[in-house]
mmCIF file of all heavy atoms, coordinates in Angstrom:
data_MODEL
# 
_entry.id   MODEL 
# 
loop_
_atom_site.group_PDB 
_atom_site.id 
_atom_site.type_symbol 
_atom_site.label_atom_id 
_atom_site.label_alt_id 
_atom_site.label_comp_id 
_atom_site.label_asym_id 
_atom_site.label_entity_id 
_atom_site.label_seq_id 
_atom_site.pdbx_PDB_ins_code 
_atom_site.Cartn_x 
_atom_site.Cartn_y 
_atom_site.Cartn_z 
_atom_site.occupancy 
_atom_site.B_iso_or_equiv 
_atom_site.pdbx_formal_charge 
_atom_site.auth_seq_id 
_atom_site.auth_comp_id 
_atom_site.auth_asym_id 
_atom_site.auth_atom_id 
_atom_site.pdbx_PDB_model_num 
ATOM 1   N N   . GLU A 1 1  ? 34.471 118.198 97.488  1.00 0.00 ? 1  GLU A N   1 
ATOM 2   C CA  . GLU A 1 1  ? 33.125 118.583 97.898  1.00 0.00 ? 1  GLU A CA  1 
ATOM 3   C C   . GLU A 1 1  ? 32.927 120.089 97.873  1.00 0.00 ? 1  GLU A C   1 
ATOM 4   O O   . GLU A 1 1  ? 31.865 120.580 97.473  1.00 0.00 ? 1  GLU A O   1 
ATOM 5   C CB  . GLU A 1 1  ? 32.823 118.047 99.297  1.00 0.00 ? 1  GLU A CB  1 
ATOM 6   C CG  . GLU A 1 1  ? 32.576 116.560 99.358  1.00 0.00 ? 1  GLU A CG  1 
ATOM 7   C CD  . GLU A 1 1  ? 32.159 116.101 100.747 1.00 0.00 ? 1  GLU A CD  1 
ATOM 8   O OE1 . GLU A 1 1  ? 31.918 116.978 101.621 1.00 0.00 ? 1  GLU A OE1 1 
ATOM 9   O OE2 . GLU A 1 1  ? 32.048 114.877 100.963 1.00 0.00 ? 1  GLU A OE2 1 
ATOM 10  N N   . ARG A 1 2  ? 33.943 120.845 98.305  1.00 0.00 ? 2  ARG A N   1 
ATOM 11  C CA  . ARG A 1 2  ? 33.810 122.295 98.398  1.00 0.00 ? 2  ARG A CA  1 
ATOM 12  C C   . ARG A 1 2  ? 34.378 123.037 97.191  1.00 0.00 ? 2  ARG A C   1 
ATOM 13  O O   . ARG A 1 2  ? 34.286 124.255 97.131  1.00 0.00 ? 2  ARG A O   1 
ATOM 14  C CB  . ARG A 1 2  ? 34.488 122.802 99.681  1.00 0.00 ? 2  ARG A CB  1 
ATOM 15  C CG  . ARG A 1 2  ? 33.829 122.379 100.987 1.00 0.00 ? 2  ARG A CG  1 
ATOM 16  C CD  . ARG A 1 2  ? 32.309 122.557 100.964 1.00 0.00 ? 2  ARG A CD  1 
ATOM 17  N NE  . ARG A 1 2  ? 31.914 123.834 100.424 1.00 0.00 ? 2  ARG A NE  1 
ATOM 18  C CZ  . ARG A 1 2  ? 31.559 124.888 101.148 1.00 0.00 ? 2  ARG A CZ  1 
ATOM 19  N NH1 . ARG A 1 2  ? 31.523 124.785 102.465 1.00 0.00 ? 2  ARG A NH1 1 
ATOM 20  N NH2 . ARG A 1 2  ? 31.199 126.017 100.576 1.00 0.00 ? 2  ARG A NH2 1 
ATOM 21  N N   . ASN A 1 3  ? 34.940 122.284 96.253  1.00 0.00 ? 3  ASN A N   1 
ATOM 22  C CA  . ASN A 1 3  ? 35.567 122.904 95.073  1.00 0.00 ? 3  ASN A CA  1 
ATOM 23  C C   . ASN A 1 3  ? 36.522 124.012 95.510  1.00 0.00 ? 3  ASN A C   1 
ATOM 24  O O   . ASN A 1 3  ? 36.504 125.131 94.983  1.00 0.00 ? 3  ASN A O   1 
ATOM 25  C CB  . ASN A 1 3  ? 34.514 123.461 94.123  1.00 0.00 ? 3  ASN A CB  1 
ATOM 26  C CG  . ASN A 1 3  ? 35.099 123.850 92.768  1.00 0.00 ? 3  ASN A CG  1 
ATOM 27  O OD1 . ASN A 1 3  ? 36.057 123.246 92.299  1.00 0.00 ? 3  ASN A OD1 1 
ATOM 28  N ND2 . ASN A 1 3  ? 34.535 124.885 92.148  1.00 0.00 ? 3  ASN A ND2 1 
ATOM 29  N N   . ALA A 1 4  ? 37.362 123.689 96.470  1.00 0.00 ? 4  ALA A N   1 
ATOM 30  C CA  . ALA A 1 4  ? 38.325 124.644 97.033  1.00 0.00 ? 4  ALA A CA  1 
ATOM 31  C C   . ALA A 1 4  ? 39.588 123.891 97.418  1.00 0.00 ? 4  ALA A C   1 
ATOM 32  O O   . ALA A 1 4  ? 39.555 122.693 97.705  1.00 0.00 ? 4  ALA A O   1 
ATOM 33  C CB  . ALA A 1 4  ? 37.739 125.335 98.260  1.00 0.00 ? 4  ALA A CB  1 
ATOM 34  N N   . VAL A 1 5  ? 40.712 124.604 97.439  1.00 0.00 ? 5  VAL A N   1 
ATOM 35  C CA  . VAL A 1 5  ? 41.942 124.020 97.957  1.00 0.00 ? 5  VAL A CA  1 
ATOM 36  C C   . VAL A 1 5  ? 41.825 123.884 99.471  1.00 0.00 ? 5  VAL A C   1 
ATOM 37  O O   . VAL A 1 5  ? 41.327 124.780 100.152 1.00 0.00 ? 5  VAL A O   1 
ATOM 38  C CB  . VAL A 1 5  ? 43.159 124.891 97.600  1.00 0.00 ? 5  VAL A CB  1 
ATOM 39  C CG1 . VAL A 1 5  ? 44.400 124.447 98.366  1.00 0.00 ? 5  VAL A CG1 1 
ATOM 40  C CG2 . VAL A 1 5  ? 43.423 124.846 96.100  1.00 0.00 ? 5  VAL A CG2 1 
ATOM 41  N N   . VAL A 1 6  ? 42.270 122.765 100.005 1.00 0.00 ? 6  VAL A N   1 
ATOM 42  C CA  . VAL A 1 6  ? 42.345 122.548 101.449 1.00 0.00 ? 6  VAL A CA  1 
ATOM 43  C C   . VAL A 1 6  ? 43.806 122.365 101.816 1.00 0.00 ? 6  VAL A C   1 
ATOM 44  O O   . VAL A 1 6  ? 44.513 121.548 101.202 1.00 0.00 ? 6  VAL A O   1 
ATOM 45  C CB  . VAL A 1 6  ? 41.531 121.311 101.879 1.00 0.00 ? 6  VAL A CB  1 
ATOM 46  C CG1 . VAL A 1 6  ? 41.679 121.072 103.378 1.00 0.00 ? 6  VAL A CG1 1 
ATOM 47  C CG2 . VAL A 1 6  ? 40.054 121.477 101.509 1.00 0.00 ? 6  VAL A CG2 1 
ATOM 48  N N   . MET A 1 7  ? 44.284 123.122 102.806 1.00 0.00 ? 7  MET A N   1 
ATOM 49  C CA  . MET A 1 7  ? 45.675 122.985 103.236 1.00 0.00 ? 7  MET A CA  1 
ATOM 50  C C   . MET A 1 7  ? 45.759 122.882 104.755 1.00 0.00 ? 7  MET A C   1 
ATOM 51  O O   . MET A 1 7  ? 44.968 123.480 105.493 1.00 0.00 ? 7  MET A O   1 
ATOM 52  C CB  . MET A 1 7  ? 46.534 124.146 102.752 1.00 0.00 ? 7  MET A CB  1 
ATOM 53  C CG  . MET A 1 7  ? 46.171 125.501 103.303 1.00 0.00 ? 7  MET A CG  1 
ATOM 54  S SD  . MET A 1 7  ? 47.507 126.749 103.133 1.00 0.00 ? 7  MET A SD  1 
ATOM 55  C CE  . MET A 1 7  ? 48.661 126.198 104.392 1.00 0.00 ? 7  MET A CE  1 
ATOM 56  N N   . GLY A 1 8  ? 46.709 122.100 105.215 1.00 0.00 ? 8  GLY A N   1 
ATOM 57  C CA  . GLY A 1 8  ? 46.996 121.941 106.639 1.00 0.00 ? 8  GLY A CA  1 
ATOM 58  C C   . GLY A 1 8  ? 48.164 120.993 106.752 1.00 0.00 ? 8  GLY A C   1 
ATOM 59  O O   . GLY A 1 8  ? 48.532 120.331 105.769 1.00 0.00 ? 8  GLY A O   1 
ATOM 60  N N   . SER A 1 9  ? 48.787 120.906 107.931 1.00 0.00 ? 9  SER A N   1 
ATOM 61  C CA  . SER A 1 9  ? 49.921 119.981 108.059 1.00 0.00 ? 9  SER A CA  1 
ATOM 62  C C   . SER A 1 9  ? 49.546 118.792 108.924 1.00 0.00 ? 9  SER A C   1 
ATOM 63  O O   . SER A 1 9  ? 48.679 118.875 109.799 1.00 0.00 ? 9  SER A O   1 
ATOM 64  C CB  . SER A 1 9  ? 51.158 120.688 108.622 1.00 0.00 ? 9  SER A CB  1 
ATOM 65  O OG  . SER A 1 9  ? 51.230 120.621 110.023 1.00 0.00 ? 9  SER A OG  1 
ATOM 66  N N   . LEU A 1 10 ? 50.210 117.672 108.637 1.00 0.00 ? 10 LEU A N   1 
ATOM 67  C CA  . LEU A 1 10 ? 50.039 116.456 109.421 1.00 0.00 ? 10 LEU A CA  1 
ATOM 68  C C   . LEU A 1 10 ? 51.360 115.696 109.424 1.00 0.00 ? 10 LEU A C   1 
ATOM 69  O O   . LEU A 1 10 ? 52.296 116.042 108.702 1.00 0.00 ? 10 LEU A O   1 
ATOM 70  C CB  . LEU A 1 10 ? 48.905 115.593 108.869 1.00 0.00 ? 10 LEU A CB  1 
ATOM 71  C CG  . LEU A 1 10 ? 48.959 115.103 107.432 1.00 0.00 ? 10 LEU A CG  1 
ATOM 72  C CD1 . LEU A 1 10 ? 48.157 113.805 107.302 1.00 0.00 ? 10 LEU A CD1 1 
ATOM 73  C CD2 . LEU A 1 10 ? 48.366 116.140 106.498 1.00 0.00 ? 10 LEU A CD2 1 
ATOM 74  N N   . ILE A 1 11 ? 51.422 114.683 110.258 1.00 0.00 ? 11 ILE A N   1 
ATOM 75  C CA  . ILE A 1 11 ? 52.645 113.892 110.398 1.00 0.00 ? 11 ILE A CA  1 
ATOM 76  C C   . ILE A 1 11 ? 52.662 112.829 109.297 1.00 0.00 ? 11 ILE A C   1 
ATOM 77  O O   . ILE A 1 11 ? 51.778 111.981 109.230 1.00 0.00 ? 11 ILE A O   1 
ATOM 78  C CB  . ILE A 1 11 ? 52.719 113.232 111.778 1.00 0.00 ? 11 ILE A CB  1 
ATOM 79  C CG1 . ILE A 1 11 ? 52.643 114.287 112.883 1.00 0.00 ? 11 ILE A CG1 1 
ATOM 80  C CG2 . ILE A 1 11 ? 54.000 112.412 111.913 1.00 0.00 ? 11 ILE A CG2 1 
ATOM 81  C CD1 . ILE A 1 11 ? 52.452 113.699 114.281 1.00 0.00 ? 11 ILE A CD1 1 
ATOM 82  N N   . ILE A 1 12 ? 53.687 112.890 108.455 1.00 0.00 ? 12 ILE A N   1 
ATOM 83  C CA  . ILE A 1 12 ? 53.807 111.969 107.318 1.00 0.00 ? 12 ILE A CA  1 
ATOM 84  C C   . ILE A 1 12 ? 55.106 111.186 107.437 1.00 0.00 ? 12 ILE A C   1 
ATOM 85  O O   . ILE A 1 12 ? 56.160 111.740 107.777 1.00 0.00 ? 12 ILE A O   1 
ATOM 86  C CB  . ILE A 1 12 ? 53.790 112.746 105.985 1.00 0.00 ? 12 ILE A CB  1 
ATOM 87  C CG1 . ILE A 1 12 ? 52.417 113.370 105.739 1.00 0.00 ? 12 ILE A CG1 1 
ATOM 88  C CG2 . ILE A 1 12 ? 54.197 111.851 104.820 1.00 0.00 ? 12 ILE A CG2 1 
ATOM 89  C CD1 . ILE A 1 12 ? 51.307 112.373 105.447 1.00 0.00 ? 12 ILE A CD1 1 
ATOM 90  N N   . THR A 1 13 ? 55.035 109.897 107.142 1.00 0.00 ? 13 THR A N   1 
ATOM 91  C CA  . THR A 1 13 ? 56.239 109.073 107.053 1.00 0.00 ? 13 THR A CA  1 
ATOM 92  C C   . THR A 1 13 ? 56.522 108.759 105.596 1.00 0.00 ? 13 THR A C   1 
ATOM 93  O O   . THR A 1 13 ? 55.609 108.452 104.827 1.00 0.00 ? 13 THR A O   1 
ATOM 94  C CB  . THR A 1 13 ? 56.103 107.767 107.863 1.00 0.00 ? 13 THR A CB  1 
ATOM 95  O OG1 . THR A 1 13 ? 57.315 107.013 107.754 1.00 0.00 ? 13 THR A OG1 1 
ATOM 96  C CG2 . THR A 1 13 ? 54.929 106.926 107.407 1.00 0.00 ? 13 THR A CG2 1 
ATOM 97  N N   . GLU A 1 14 ? 57.803 108.846 105.227 1.00 0.00 ? 14 GLU A N   1 
ATOM 98  C CA  . GLU A 1 14 ? 58.203 108.621 103.843 1.00 0.00 ? 14 GLU A CA  1 
ATOM 99  C C   . GLU A 1 14 ? 59.680 108.257 103.817 1.00 0.00 ? 14 GLU A C   1 
ATOM 100 O O   . GLU A 1 14 ? 60.504 108.958 104.405 1.00 0.00 ? 14 GLU A O   1 
ATOM 101 C CB  . GLU A 1 14 ? 57.942 109.886 103.021 1.00 0.00 ? 14 GLU A CB  1 
ATOM 102 C CG  . GLU A 1 14 ? 58.095 109.724 101.527 1.00 0.00 ? 14 GLU A CG  1 
ATOM 103 C CD  . GLU A 1 14 ? 57.640 110.975 100.790 1.00 0.00 ? 14 GLU A CD  1 
ATOM 104 O OE1 . GLU A 1 14 ? 58.391 111.975 100.809 1.00 0.00 ? 14 GLU A OE1 1 
ATOM 105 O OE2 . GLU A 1 14 ? 56.534 110.954 100.227 1.00 0.00 ? 14 GLU A OE2 1 
ATOM 106 N N   . ASN A 1 15 ? 59.996 107.157 103.188 1.00 0.00 ? 15 ASN A N   1 
ATOM 107 C CA  . ASN A 1 15 ? 61.387 106.699 103.046 1.00 0.00 ? 15 ASN A CA  1 
ATOM 108 C C   . ASN A 1 15 ? 62.113 106.616 104.385 1.00 0.00 ? 15 ASN A C   1 
ATOM 109 O O   . ASN A 1 15 ? 63.297 106.958 104.500 1.00 0.00 ? 15 ASN A O   1 
ATOM 110 C CB  . ASN A 1 15 ? 62.155 107.632 102.095 1.00 0.00 ? 15 ASN A CB  1 
ATOM 111 C CG  . ASN A 1 15 ? 61.557 107.650 100.702 1.00 0.00 ? 15 ASN A CG  1 
ATOM 112 O OD1 . ASN A 1 15 ? 61.092 106.634 100.202 1.00 0.00 ? 15 ASN A OD1 1 
ATOM 113 N ND2 . ASN A 1 15 ? 61.552 108.823 100.080 1.00 0.00 ? 15 ASN A ND2 1 
ATOM 114 N N   . GLY A 1 16 ? 61.409 106.166 105.404 1.00 0.00 ? 16 GLY A N   1 
ATOM 115 C CA  . GLY A 1 16 ? 62.010 105.976 106.715 1.00 0.00 ? 16 GLY A CA  1 
ATOM 116 C C   . GLY A 1 16 ? 62.147 107.232 107.551 1.00 0.00 ? 16 GLY A C   1 
ATOM 117 O O   . GLY A 1 16 ? 62.699 107.189 108.653 1.00 0.00 ? 16 GLY A O   1 
ATOM 118 N N   . ASN A 1 17 ? 61.663 108.365 107.046 1.00 0.00 ? 17 ASN A N   1 
ATOM 119 C CA  . ASN A 1 17 ? 61.727 109.636 107.771 1.00 0.00 ? 17 ASN A CA  1 
ATOM 120 C C   . ASN A 1 17 ? 60.321 110.105 108.138 1.00 0.00 ? 17 ASN A C   1 
ATOM 121 O O   . ASN A 1 17 ? 59.332 109.673 107.560 1.00 0.00 ? 17 ASN A O   1 
ATOM 122 C CB  . ASN A 1 17 ? 62.409 110.711 106.912 1.00 0.00 ? 17 ASN A CB  1 
ATOM 123 C CG  . ASN A 1 17 ? 63.849 110.372 106.596 1.00 0.00 ? 17 ASN A CG  1 
ATOM 124 O OD1 . ASN A 1 17 ? 64.606 109.950 107.469 1.00 0.00 ? 17 ASN A OD1 1 
ATOM 125 N ND2 . ASN A 1 17 ? 64.232 110.548 105.346 1.00 0.00 ? 17 ASN A ND2 1 
ATOM 126 N N   . TYR A 1 18 ? 60.273 111.033 109.106 1.00 0.00 ? 18 TYR A N   1 
ATOM 127 C CA  . TYR A 1 18 ? 59.016 111.640 109.516 1.00 0.00 ? 18 TYR A CA  1 
ATOM 128 C C   . TYR A 1 18 ? 59.075 113.131 109.220 1.00 0.00 ? 18 TYR A C   1 
ATOM 129 O O   . TYR A 1 18 ? 60.093 113.780 109.454 1.00 0.00 ? 18 TYR A O   1 
ATOM 130 C CB  . TYR A 1 18 ? 58.769 111.418 111.013 1.00 0.00 ? 18 TYR A CB  1 
ATOM 131 C CG  . TYR A 1 18 ? 58.681 109.960 111.402 1.00 0.00 ? 18 TYR A CG  1 
ATOM 132 C CD1 . TYR A 1 18 ? 59.741 109.339 112.072 1.00 0.00 ? 18 TYR A CD1 1 
ATOM 133 C CD2 . TYR A 1 18 ? 57.565 109.202 111.073 1.00 0.00 ? 18 TYR A CD2 1 
ATOM 134 C CE1 . TYR A 1 18 ? 59.665 108.006 112.419 1.00 0.00 ? 18 TYR A CE1 1 
ATOM 135 C CE2 . TYR A 1 18 ? 57.490 107.858 111.414 1.00 0.00 ? 18 TYR A CE2 1 
ATOM 136 C CZ  . TYR A 1 18 ? 58.542 107.269 112.082 1.00 0.00 ? 18 TYR A CZ  1 
ATOM 137 O OH  . TYR A 1 18 ? 58.475 105.940 112.414 1.00 0.00 ? 18 TYR A OH  1 
ATOM 138 N N   . TYR A 1 19 ? 57.957 113.648 108.700 1.00 0.00 ? 19 TYR A N   1 
ATOM 139 C CA  . TYR A 1 19 ? 57.896 115.050 108.319 1.00 0.00 ? 19 TYR A CA  1 
ATOM 140 C C   . TYR A 1 19 ? 56.658 115.726 108.903 1.00 0.00 ? 19 TYR A C   1 
ATOM 141 O O   . TYR A 1 19 ? 55.587 115.112 108.999 1.00 0.00 ? 19 TYR A O   1 
ATOM 142 C CB  . TYR A 1 19 ? 57.838 115.188 106.786 1.00 0.00 ? 19 TYR A CB  1 
ATOM 143 C CG  . TYR A 1 19 ? 59.037 114.621 106.071 1.00 0.00 ? 19 TYR A CG  1 
ATOM 144 C CD1 . TYR A 1 19 ? 59.031 113.307 105.596 1.00 0.00 ? 19 TYR A CD1 1 
ATOM 145 C CD2 . TYR A 1 19 ? 60.186 115.386 105.879 1.00 0.00 ? 19 TYR A CD2 1 
ATOM 146 C CE1 . TYR A 1 19 ? 60.127 112.771 104.938 1.00 0.00 ? 19 TYR A CE1 1 
ATOM 147 C CE2 . TYR A 1 19 ? 61.294 114.864 105.221 1.00 0.00 ? 19 TYR A CE2 1 
ATOM 148 C CZ  . TYR A 1 19 ? 61.262 113.558 104.756 1.00 0.00 ? 19 TYR A CZ  1 
ATOM 149 O OH  . TYR A 1 19 ? 62.354 113.042 104.122 1.00 0.00 ? 19 TYR A OH  1 
ATOM 150 N N   . ASN A 1 20 ? 56.834 116.987 109.289 1.00 0.00 ? 20 ASN A N   1 
ATOM 151 C CA  . ASN A 1 20 ? 55.702 117.865 109.595 1.00 0.00 ? 20 ASN A CA  1 
ATOM 152 C C   . ASN A 1 20 ? 55.359 118.518 108.257 1.00 0.00 ? 20 ASN A C   1 
ATOM 153 O O   . ASN A 1 20 ? 55.963 119.504 107.860 1.00 0.00 ? 20 ASN A O   1 
ATOM 154 C CB  . ASN A 1 20 ? 56.103 118.899 110.647 1.00 0.00 ? 20 ASN A CB  1 
ATOM 155 C CG  . ASN A 1 20 ? 54.943 119.780 111.077 1.00 0.00 ? 20 ASN A CG  1 
ATOM 156 O OD1 . ASN A 1 20 ? 53.883 119.801 110.463 1.00 0.00 ? 20 ASN A OD1 1 
ATOM 157 N ND2 . ASN A 1 20 ? 55.165 120.528 112.154 1.00 0.00 ? 20 ASN A ND2 1 
ATOM 158 N N   . ARG A 1 21 ? 54.388 117.945 107.554 1.00 0.00 ? 21 ARG A N   1 
ATOM 159 C CA  . ARG A 1 21 ? 54.188 118.242 106.136 1.00 0.00 ? 21 ARG A CA  1 
ATOM 160 C C   . ARG A 1 21 ? 52.871 118.961 105.867 1.00 0.00 ? 21 ARG A C   1 
ATOM 161 O O   . ARG A 1 21 ? 51.797 118.469 106.236 1.00 0.00 ? 21 ARG A O   1 
ATOM 162 C CB  . ARG A 1 21 ? 54.246 116.956 105.323 1.00 0.00 ? 21 ARG A CB  1 
ATOM 163 C CG  . ARG A 1 21 ? 53.936 117.112 103.838 1.00 0.00 ? 21 ARG A CG  1 
ATOM 164 C CD  . ARG A 1 21 ? 54.248 115.843 103.062 1.00 0.00 ? 21 ARG A CD  1 
ATOM 165 N NE  . ARG A 1 21 ? 55.699 115.594 103.014 1.00 0.00 ? 21 ARG A NE  1 
ATOM 166 C CZ  . ARG A 1 21 ? 56.245 114.542 102.425 1.00 0.00 ? 21 ARG A CZ  1 
ATOM 167 N NH1 . ARG A 1 21 ? 55.468 113.641 101.809 1.00 0.00 ? 21 ARG A NH1 1 
ATOM 168 N NH2 . ARG A 1 21 ? 57.560 114.376 102.419 1.00 0.00 ? 21 ARG A NH2 1 
ATOM 169 N N   . ILE A 1 22 ? 52.970 120.099 105.194 1.00 0.00 ? 22 ILE A N   1 
ATOM 170 C CA  . ILE A 1 22 ? 51.781 120.756 104.654 1.00 0.00 ? 22 ILE A CA  1 
ATOM 171 C C   . ILE A 1 22 ? 51.350 120.011 103.401 1.00 0.00 ? 22 ILE A C   1 
ATOM 172 O O   . ILE A 1 22 ? 52.154 119.733 102.519 1.00 0.00 ? 22 ILE A O   1 
ATOM 173 C CB  . ILE A 1 22 ? 52.054 122.228 104.294 1.00 0.00 ? 22 ILE A CB  1 
ATOM 174 C CG1 . ILE A 1 22 ? 52.131 123.100 105.553 1.00 0.00 ? 22 ILE A CG1 1 
ATOM 175 C CG2 . ILE A 1 22 ? 50.952 122.769 103.376 1.00 0.00 ? 22 ILE A CG2 1 
ATOM 176 C CD1 . ILE A 1 22 ? 52.394 124.572 105.269 1.00 0.00 ? 22 ILE A CD1 1 
ATOM 177 N N   . ILE A 1 23 ? 50.065 119.699 103.353 1.00 0.00 ? 23 ILE A N   1 
ATOM 178 C CA  . ILE A 1 23 ? 49.453 119.168 102.142 1.00 0.00 ? 23 ILE A CA  1 
ATOM 179 C C   . ILE A 1 23 ? 48.621 120.285 101.510 1.00 0.00 ? 23 ILE A C   1 
ATOM 180 O O   . ILE A 1 23 ? 47.777 120.888 102.184 1.00 0.00 ? 23 ILE A O   1 
ATOM 181 C CB  . ILE A 1 23 ? 48.555 117.958 102.438 1.00 0.00 ? 23 ILE A CB  1 
ATOM 182 C CG1 . ILE A 1 23 ? 49.351 116.852 103.160 1.00 0.00 ? 23 ILE A CG1 1 
ATOM 183 C CG2 . ILE A 1 23 ? 47.906 117.432 101.163 1.00 0.00 ? 23 ILE A CG2 1 
ATOM 184 C CD1 . ILE A 1 23 ? 50.464 116.249 102.350 1.00 0.00 ? 23 ILE A CD1 1 
ATOM 185 N N   . TRP A 1 24 ? 48.871 120.549 100.254 1.00 0.00 ? 24 TRP A N   1 
ATOM 186 C CA  . TRP A 1 24 ? 48.100 121.529 99.478  1.00 0.00 ? 24 TRP A CA  1 
ATOM 187 C C   . TRP A 1 24 ? 47.247 120.724 98.504  1.00 0.00 ? 24 TRP A C   1 
ATOM 188 O O   . TRP A 1 24 ? 47.721 120.262 97.466  1.00 0.00 ? 24 TRP A O   1 
ATOM 189 C CB  . TRP A 1 24 ? 49.055 122.474 98.751  1.00 0.00 ? 24 TRP A CB  1 
ATOM 190 C CG  . TRP A 1 24 ? 48.415 123.487 97.859  1.00 0.00 ? 24 TRP A CG  1 
ATOM 191 C CD1 . TRP A 1 24 ? 48.080 123.324 96.540  1.00 0.00 ? 24 TRP A CD1 1 
ATOM 192 C CD2 . TRP A 1 24 ? 48.035 124.830 98.202  1.00 0.00 ? 24 TRP A CD2 1 
ATOM 193 N NE1 . TRP A 1 24 ? 47.519 124.473 96.043  1.00 0.00 ? 24 TRP A NE1 1 
ATOM 194 C CE2 . TRP A 1 24 ? 47.486 125.415 97.043  1.00 0.00 ? 24 TRP A CE2 1 
ATOM 195 C CE3 . TRP A 1 24 ? 48.121 125.582 99.375  1.00 0.00 ? 24 TRP A CE3 1 
ATOM 196 C CZ2 . TRP A 1 24 ? 47.016 126.727 97.026  1.00 0.00 ? 24 TRP A CZ2 1 
ATOM 197 C CZ3 . TRP A 1 24 ? 47.657 126.884 99.351  1.00 0.00 ? 24 TRP A CZ3 1 
ATOM 198 C CH2 . TRP A 1 24 ? 47.121 127.450 98.200  1.00 0.00 ? 24 TRP A CH2 1 
ATOM 199 N N   . MET A 1 25 ? 45.980 120.494 98.876  1.00 0.00 ? 25 MET A N   1 
ATOM 200 C CA  . MET A 1 25 ? 45.115 119.602 98.124  1.00 0.00 ? 25 MET A CA  1 
ATOM 201 C C   . MET A 1 25 ? 44.150 120.389 97.242  1.00 0.00 ? 25 MET A C   1 
ATOM 202 O O   . MET A 1 25 ? 43.372 121.202 97.729  1.00 0.00 ? 25 MET A O   1 
ATOM 203 C CB  . MET A 1 25 ? 44.324 118.713 99.089  1.00 0.00 ? 25 MET A CB  1 
ATOM 204 C CG  . MET A 1 25 ? 43.407 117.716 98.394  1.00 0.00 ? 25 MET A CG  1 
ATOM 205 S SD  . MET A 1 25 ? 44.290 116.491 97.395  1.00 0.00 ? 25 MET A SD  1 
ATOM 206 C CE  . MET A 1 25 ? 45.024 115.485 98.706  1.00 0.00 ? 25 MET A CE  1 
ATOM 207 N N   . ARG A 1 26 ? 44.197 120.120 95.943  1.00 0.00 ? 26 ARG A N   1 
ATOM 208 C CA  . ARG A 1 26 ? 43.325 120.795 94.986  1.00 0.00 ? 26 ARG A CA  1 
ATOM 209 C C   . ARG A 1 26 ? 42.019 120.017 94.797  1.00 0.00 ? 26 ARG A C   1 
ATOM 210 O O   . ARG A 1 26 ? 41.967 118.800 95.039  1.00 0.00 ? 26 ARG A O   1 
ATOM 211 C CB  . ARG A 1 26 ? 44.037 120.943 93.651  1.00 0.00 ? 26 ARG A CB  1 
ATOM 212 C CG  . ARG A 1 26 ? 45.353 121.708 93.699  1.00 0.00 ? 26 ARG A CG  1 
ATOM 213 C CD  . ARG A 1 26 ? 45.917 121.879 92.293  1.00 0.00 ? 26 ARG A CD  1 
ATOM 214 N NE  . ARG A 1 26 ? 47.212 122.555 92.308  1.00 0.00 ? 26 ARG A NE  1 
ATOM 215 C CZ  . ARG A 1 26 ? 48.388 121.924 92.349  1.00 0.00 ? 26 ARG A CZ  1 
ATOM 216 N NH1 . ARG A 1 26 ? 48.428 120.594 92.384  1.00 0.00 ? 26 ARG A NH1 1 
ATOM 217 N NH2 . ARG A 1 26 ? 49.515 122.609 92.354  1.00 0.00 ? 26 ARG A NH2 1 
ATOM 218 N N   . PRO A 1 27 ? 40.984 120.693 94.298  1.00 0.00 ? 27 PRO A N   1 
ATOM 219 C CA  . PRO A 1 27 ? 39.708 120.006 94.063  1.00 0.00 ? 27 PRO A CA  1 
ATOM 220 C C   . PRO A 1 27 ? 39.791 118.862 93.062  1.00 0.00 ? 27 PRO A C   1 
ATOM 221 O O   . PRO A 1 27 ? 38.977 117.935 93.121  1.00 0.00 ? 27 PRO A O   1 
ATOM 222 C CB  . PRO A 1 27 ? 38.798 121.133 93.538  1.00 0.00 ? 27 PRO A CB  1 
ATOM 223 C CG  . PRO A 1 27 ? 39.397 122.386 94.053  1.00 0.00 ? 27 PRO A CG  1 
ATOM 224 C CD  . PRO A 1 27 ? 40.876 122.148 94.093  1.00 0.00 ? 27 PRO A CD  1 
ATOM 225 N N   . ASP A 1 28 ? 40.759 118.918 92.148  1.00 0.00 ? 28 ASP A N   1 
ATOM 226 C CA  . ASP A 1 28 ? 40.877 117.842 91.160  1.00 0.00 ? 28 ASP A CA  1 
ATOM 227 C C   . ASP A 1 28 ? 41.642 116.642 91.693  1.00 0.00 ? 28 ASP A C   1 
ATOM 228 O O   . ASP A 1 28 ? 41.882 115.673 90.962  1.00 0.00 ? 28 ASP A O   1 
ATOM 229 C CB  . ASP A 1 28 ? 41.509 118.361 89.863  1.00 0.00 ? 28 ASP A CB  1 
ATOM 230 C CG  . ASP A 1 28 ? 42.965 118.801 90.036  1.00 0.00 ? 28 ASP A CG  1 
ATOM 231 O OD1 . ASP A 1 28 ? 43.521 118.668 91.146  1.00 0.00 ? 28 ASP A OD1 1 
ATOM 232 O OD2 . ASP A 1 28 ? 43.560 119.298 89.047  1.00 0.00 ? 28 ASP A OD2 1 
ATOM 233 N N   . GLY A 1 29 ? 42.038 116.688 92.974  1.00 0.00 ? 29 GLY A N   1 
ATOM 234 C CA  . GLY A 1 29 ? 42.709 115.556 93.597  1.00 0.00 ? 29 GLY A CA  1 
ATOM 235 C C   . GLY A 1 29 ? 44.217 115.592 93.515  1.00 0.00 ? 29 GLY A C   1 
ATOM 236 O O   . GLY A 1 29 ? 44.896 114.766 94.155  1.00 0.00 ? 29 GLY A O   1 
ATOM 237 N N   . THR A 1 30 ? 44.781 116.524 92.752  1.00 0.00 ? 30 THR A N   1 
ATOM 238 C CA  . THR A 1 30 ? 46.234 116.662 92.720  1.00 0.00 ? 30 THR A CA  1 
ATOM 239 C C   . THR A 1 30 ? 46.696 117.466 93.927  1.00 0.00 ? 30 THR A C   1 
ATOM 240 O O   . THR A 1 30 ? 45.917 118.216 94.528  1.00 0.00 ? 30 THR A O   1 
ATOM 241 C CB  . THR A 1 30 ? 46.707 117.348 91.429  1.00 0.00 ? 30 THR A CB  1 
ATOM 242 O OG1 . THR A 1 30 ? 46.182 118.687 91.376  1.00 0.00 ? 30 THR A OG1 1 
ATOM 243 C CG2 . THR A 1 30 ? 46.247 116.567 90.208  1.00 0.00 ? 30 THR A CG2 1 
ATOM 244 N N   . LEU A 1 31 ? 47.956 117.308 94.295  1.00 0.00 ? 31 LEU A N   1 
ATOM 245 C CA  . LEU A 1 31 ? 48.453 117.984 95.487  1.00 0.00 ? 31 LEU A CA  1 
ATOM 246 C C   . LEU A 1 31 ? 49.905 118.388 95.347  1.00 0.00 ? 31 LEU A C   1 
ATOM 247 O O   . LEU A 1 31 ? 50.633 117.878 94.502  1.00 0.00 ? 31 LEU A O   1 
ATOM 248 C CB  . LEU A 1 31 ? 48.256 117.100 96.726  1.00 0.00 ? 31 LEU A CB  1 
ATOM 249 C CG  . LEU A 1 31 ? 49.006 115.750 96.793  1.00 0.00 ? 31 LEU A CG  1 
ATOM 250 C CD1 . LEU A 1 31 ? 50.425 115.901 97.317  1.00 0.00 ? 31 LEU A CD1 1 
ATOM 251 C CD2 . LEU A 1 31 ? 48.241 114.764 97.658  1.00 0.00 ? 31 LEU A CD2 1 
# 
């Protein structure tokens, strides 16, 4: 919507582990 990268961290679970993970989200949907 803003044609800008959005970044912040959230709690993510992956392969049985939990991470305090920064997501770097691009306008084209890749991260």
